[in-house]
């Protein structure tokens, strides 16, 4: 099963923004956690048509656990999106969950 979440990132009075960190919070509910081999991918699309993709958003330890906040930063976890410049905001963030479990994000930023 695949689920995609779209987030419009609107920047006020700014012509470009650099990606340095991405955070998610998994809901504190039963069965909200991500269970391997399920995964989450991240795509950031800039207003000028450029984009970056992280195929397997993951960090050391237990990522996407119930009630947990996960922080992704640096080349190790953000890959091609580390330092990506979003020009001509607003941009679009696409988060895709793939797998059979029911990962339930509460928020992402």
C-alpha atoms as a PDB file:
ATOM      1  CA  UNK A   1       0.000   0.000   0.000  1.00  0.00           C
ATOM      2  CA  UNK A   2       1.279   3.464  -0.844  1.00  0.00           C
ATOM      3  CA  UNK A   3       0.081   6.684   0.673  1.00  0.00           C
ATOM      4  CA  UNK A   4       1.303  10.111  -0.337  1.00  0.00           C
ATOM      5  CA  UNK A   5       0.953  13.274   1.670  1.00  0.00           C
ATOM      6  CA  UNK A   6       1.325  16.671   0.018  1.00  0.00           C
ATOM      7  CA  UNK A   7       2.433  19.704   1.960  1.00  0.00           C
ATOM      8  CA  UNK A   8       2.577  23.177   0.488  1.00  0.00           C
ATOM      9  CA  UNK A   9       5.520  25.073   1.884  1.00  0.00           C
ATOM     10  CA  UNK A  10       4.791  28.778   1.664  1.00  0.00           C
ATOM     11  CA  UNK A  11       7.599  31.232   2.275  1.00  0.00           C
ATOM     12  CA  UNK A  12       6.810  34.795   3.231  1.00  0.00           C
ATOM     13  CA  UNK A  13       8.959  37.579   1.794  1.00  0.00           C
ATOM     14  CA  UNK A  14      11.729  35.228   0.683  1.00  0.00           C
ATOM     15  CA  UNK A  15      12.854  34.260  -2.786  1.00  0.00           C
ATOM     16  CA  UNK A  16      14.815  31.124  -1.829  1.00  0.00           C
ATOM     17  CA  UNK A  17      15.226  28.741   1.099  1.00  0.00           C
ATOM     18  CA  UNK A  18      17.886  26.107   1.786  1.00  0.00           C
ATOM     19  CA  UNK A  19      16.887  22.703   3.189  1.00  0.00           C
ATOM     20  CA  UNK A  20      18.979  21.924   6.284  1.00  0.00           C
ATOM     21  CA  UNK A  21      16.638  19.731   8.317  1.00  0.00           C
ATOM     22  CA  UNK A  22      13.417  17.756   8.067  1.00  0.00           C
ATOM     23  CA  UNK A  23      11.370  16.570  11.063  1.00  0.00           C
ATOM     24  CA  UNK A  24       8.454  14.193  11.506  1.00  0.00           C
ATOM     25  CA  UNK A  25       6.335  13.280  14.498  1.00  0.00           C
ATOM     26  CA  UNK A  26       4.599   9.911  14.582  1.00  0.00           C
ATOM     27  CA  UNK A  27       1.218   9.967  16.326  1.00  0.00           C
ATOM     28  CA  UNK A  28       1.024   8.568  19.845  1.00  0.00           C
ATOM     29  CA  UNK A  29      -1.654   6.009  18.968  1.00  0.00           C
ATOM     30  CA  UNK A  30      -1.806   2.246  18.761  1.00  0.00           C
ATOM     31  CA  UNK A  31      -0.423   0.945  15.440  1.00  0.00           C
ATOM     32  CA  UNK A  32       0.879   4.410  14.433  1.00  0.00           C
ATOM     33  CA  UNK A  33       4.535   3.323  14.186  1.00  0.00           C
ATOM     34  CA  UNK A  34       6.270   2.299  10.982  1.00  0.00           C
ATOM     35  CA  UNK A  35       7.126  -1.392  10.849  1.00  0.00           C
ATOM     36  CA  UNK A  36       9.878  -2.680   8.535  1.00  0.00           C
ATOM     37  CA  UNK A  37      10.051  -3.437   5.691  1.00  0.00           C
ATOM     38  CA  UNK A  38       7.766  -0.427   5.187  1.00  0.00           C
ATOM     39  CA  UNK A  39       9.463   2.865   4.387  1.00  0.00           C
ATOM     40  CA  UNK A  40       9.018   6.561   3.802  1.00  0.00           C
ATOM     41  CA  UNK A  41      10.392   8.630   0.922  1.00  0.00           C
ATOM     42  CA  UNK A  42      10.656  12.403   0.665  1.00  0.00           C
ATOM     43  CA  UNK A  43      10.544  14.619  -2.413  1.00  0.00           C
ATOM     44  CA  UNK A  44      10.916  18.388  -2.313  1.00  0.00           C
ATOM     45  CA  UNK A  45       9.812  20.276  -5.422  1.00  0.00           C
ATOM     46  CA  UNK A  46      10.832  23.891  -5.910  1.00  0.00           C
ATOM     47  CA  UNK A  47       8.703  26.459  -7.696  1.00  0.00           C
ATOM     48  CA  UNK A  48      11.173  26.547 -10.602  1.00  0.00           C
ATOM     49  CA  UNK A  49      10.666  22.826 -11.394  1.00  0.00           C
ATOM     50  CA  UNK A  50      13.827  21.508  -9.725  1.00  0.00           C
ATOM     51  CA  UNK A  51      13.502  18.782  -7.089  1.00  0.00           C
ATOM     52  CA  UNK A  52      15.367  16.422  -4.792  1.00  0.00           C
ATOM     53  CA  UNK A  53      14.423  12.946  -3.577  1.00  0.00           C
ATOM     54  CA  UNK A  54      15.327  10.785  -0.574  1.00  0.00           C
ATOM     55  CA  UNK A  55      14.177   7.241  -1.406  1.00  0.00           C
ATOM     56  CA  UNK A  56      14.456   5.841   2.137  1.00  0.00           C
ATOM     57  CA  UNK A  57      14.103   8.477   4.837  1.00  0.00           C
ATOM     58  CA  UNK A  58      15.833   6.839   7.771  1.00  0.00           C
ATOM     59  CA  UNK A  59      18.208   7.672  10.602  1.00  0.00           C
ATOM     60  CA  UNK A  60      20.148   5.632  13.133  1.00  0.00           C
ATOM     61  CA  UNK A  61      17.952   3.851  15.642  1.00  0.00           C
ATOM     62  CA  UNK A  62      14.235   3.202  15.507  1.00  0.00           C
ATOM     63  CA  UNK A  63      12.784   5.646  13.008  1.00  0.00           C
ATOM     64  CA  UNK A  64       9.049   6.496  13.004  1.00  0.00           C
ATOM     65  CA  UNK A  65       8.177   4.952  16.360  1.00  0.00           C
ATOM     66  CA  UNK A  66       4.948   5.707  18.251  1.00  0.00           C
ATOM     67  CA  UNK A  67       4.954   9.254  19.679  1.00  0.00           C
ATOM     68  CA  UNK A  68       8.530   9.946  18.538  1.00  0.00           C
ATOM     69  CA  UNK A  69       9.967  12.973  16.773  1.00  0.00           C
ATOM     70  CA  UNK A  70      12.553  12.070  14.149  1.00  0.00           C
ATOM     71  CA  UNK A  71      15.083  14.640  12.947  1.00  0.00           C
ATOM     72  CA  UNK A  72      16.818  14.216   9.600  1.00  0.00           C
ATOM     73  CA  UNK A  73      19.763  16.447   8.751  1.00  0.00           C
ATOM     74  CA  UNK A  74      23.040  16.236   6.919  1.00  0.00           C
ATOM     75  CA  UNK A  75      24.016  14.223   3.892  1.00  0.00           C
ATOM     76  CA  UNK A  76      23.717  10.879   5.699  1.00  0.00           C
ATOM     77  CA  UNK A  77      19.944  11.109   6.183  1.00  0.00           C
ATOM     78  CA  UNK A  78      18.857  13.852   3.762  1.00  0.00           C
ATOM     79  CA  UNK A  79      21.050  12.764   0.852  1.00  0.00           C
ATOM     80  CA  UNK A  80      20.332  14.833  -2.257  1.00  0.00           C
ATOM     81  CA  UNK A  81      17.990  17.118  -0.296  1.00  0.00           C
ATOM     82  CA  UNK A  82      20.723  18.274   2.121  1.00  0.00           C
ATOM     83  CA  UNK A  83      21.349  21.901   1.186  1.00  0.00           C
ATOM     84  CA  UNK A  84      18.815  21.810  -1.665  1.00  0.00           C
ATOM     85  CA  UNK A  85      17.733  25.357  -2.532  1.00  0.00           C
ATOM     86  CA  UNK A  86      13.995  25.875  -2.959  1.00  0.00           C
ATOM     87  CA  UNK A  87      13.707  28.797  -5.348  1.00  0.00           C
ATOM     88  CA  UNK A  88      10.584  30.683  -6.274  1.00  0.00           C
ATOM     89  CA  UNK A  89       8.503  29.479  -3.293  1.00  0.00           C
ATOM     90  CA  UNK A  90       6.033  28.116  -2.615  1.00  0.00           C
ATOM     91  CA  UNK A  91       7.394  24.619  -3.057  1.00  0.00           C
ATOM     92  CA  UNK A  92       5.759  21.257  -2.542  1.00  0.00           C
ATOM     93  CA  UNK A  93       6.829  18.455  -0.207  1.00  0.00           C
ATOM     94  CA  UNK A  94       5.677  14.940  -1.117  1.00  0.00           C
ATOM     95  CA  UNK A  95       5.966  12.258   1.563  1.00  0.00           C
ATOM     96  CA  UNK A  96       5.244   8.727   0.396  1.00  0.00           C
ATOM     97  CA  UNK A  97       4.700   5.772   2.720  1.00  0.00           C
ATOM     98  CA  UNK A  98       5.150   2.365   1.145  1.00  0.00           C
ATOM     99  CA  UNK A  99       4.446  -0.888   2.892  1.00  0.00           C
ATOM    100  CA  UNK A 100       1.604  -2.763   4.515  1.00  0.00           C
ATOM    101  CA  UNK A 101       1.590  -1.101   7.915  1.00  0.00           C
ATOM    102  CA  UNK A 102      -0.377   1.994   8.850  1.00  0.00           C
ATOM    103  CA  UNK A 103       2.269   4.612   9.702  1.00  0.00           C
ATOM    104  CA  UNK A 104       0.427   7.667  11.023  1.00  0.00           C
ATOM    105  CA  UNK A 105       2.385  10.926  10.944  1.00  0.00           C
ATOM    106  CA  UNK A 106       1.099  13.676  13.221  1.00  0.00           C
ATOM    107  CA  UNK A 107       3.140  16.431  11.584  1.00  0.00           C
ATOM    108  CA  UNK A 108       6.231  17.107   9.502  1.00  0.00           C
ATOM    109  CA  UNK A 109       8.285  20.232   8.952  1.00  0.00           C
END
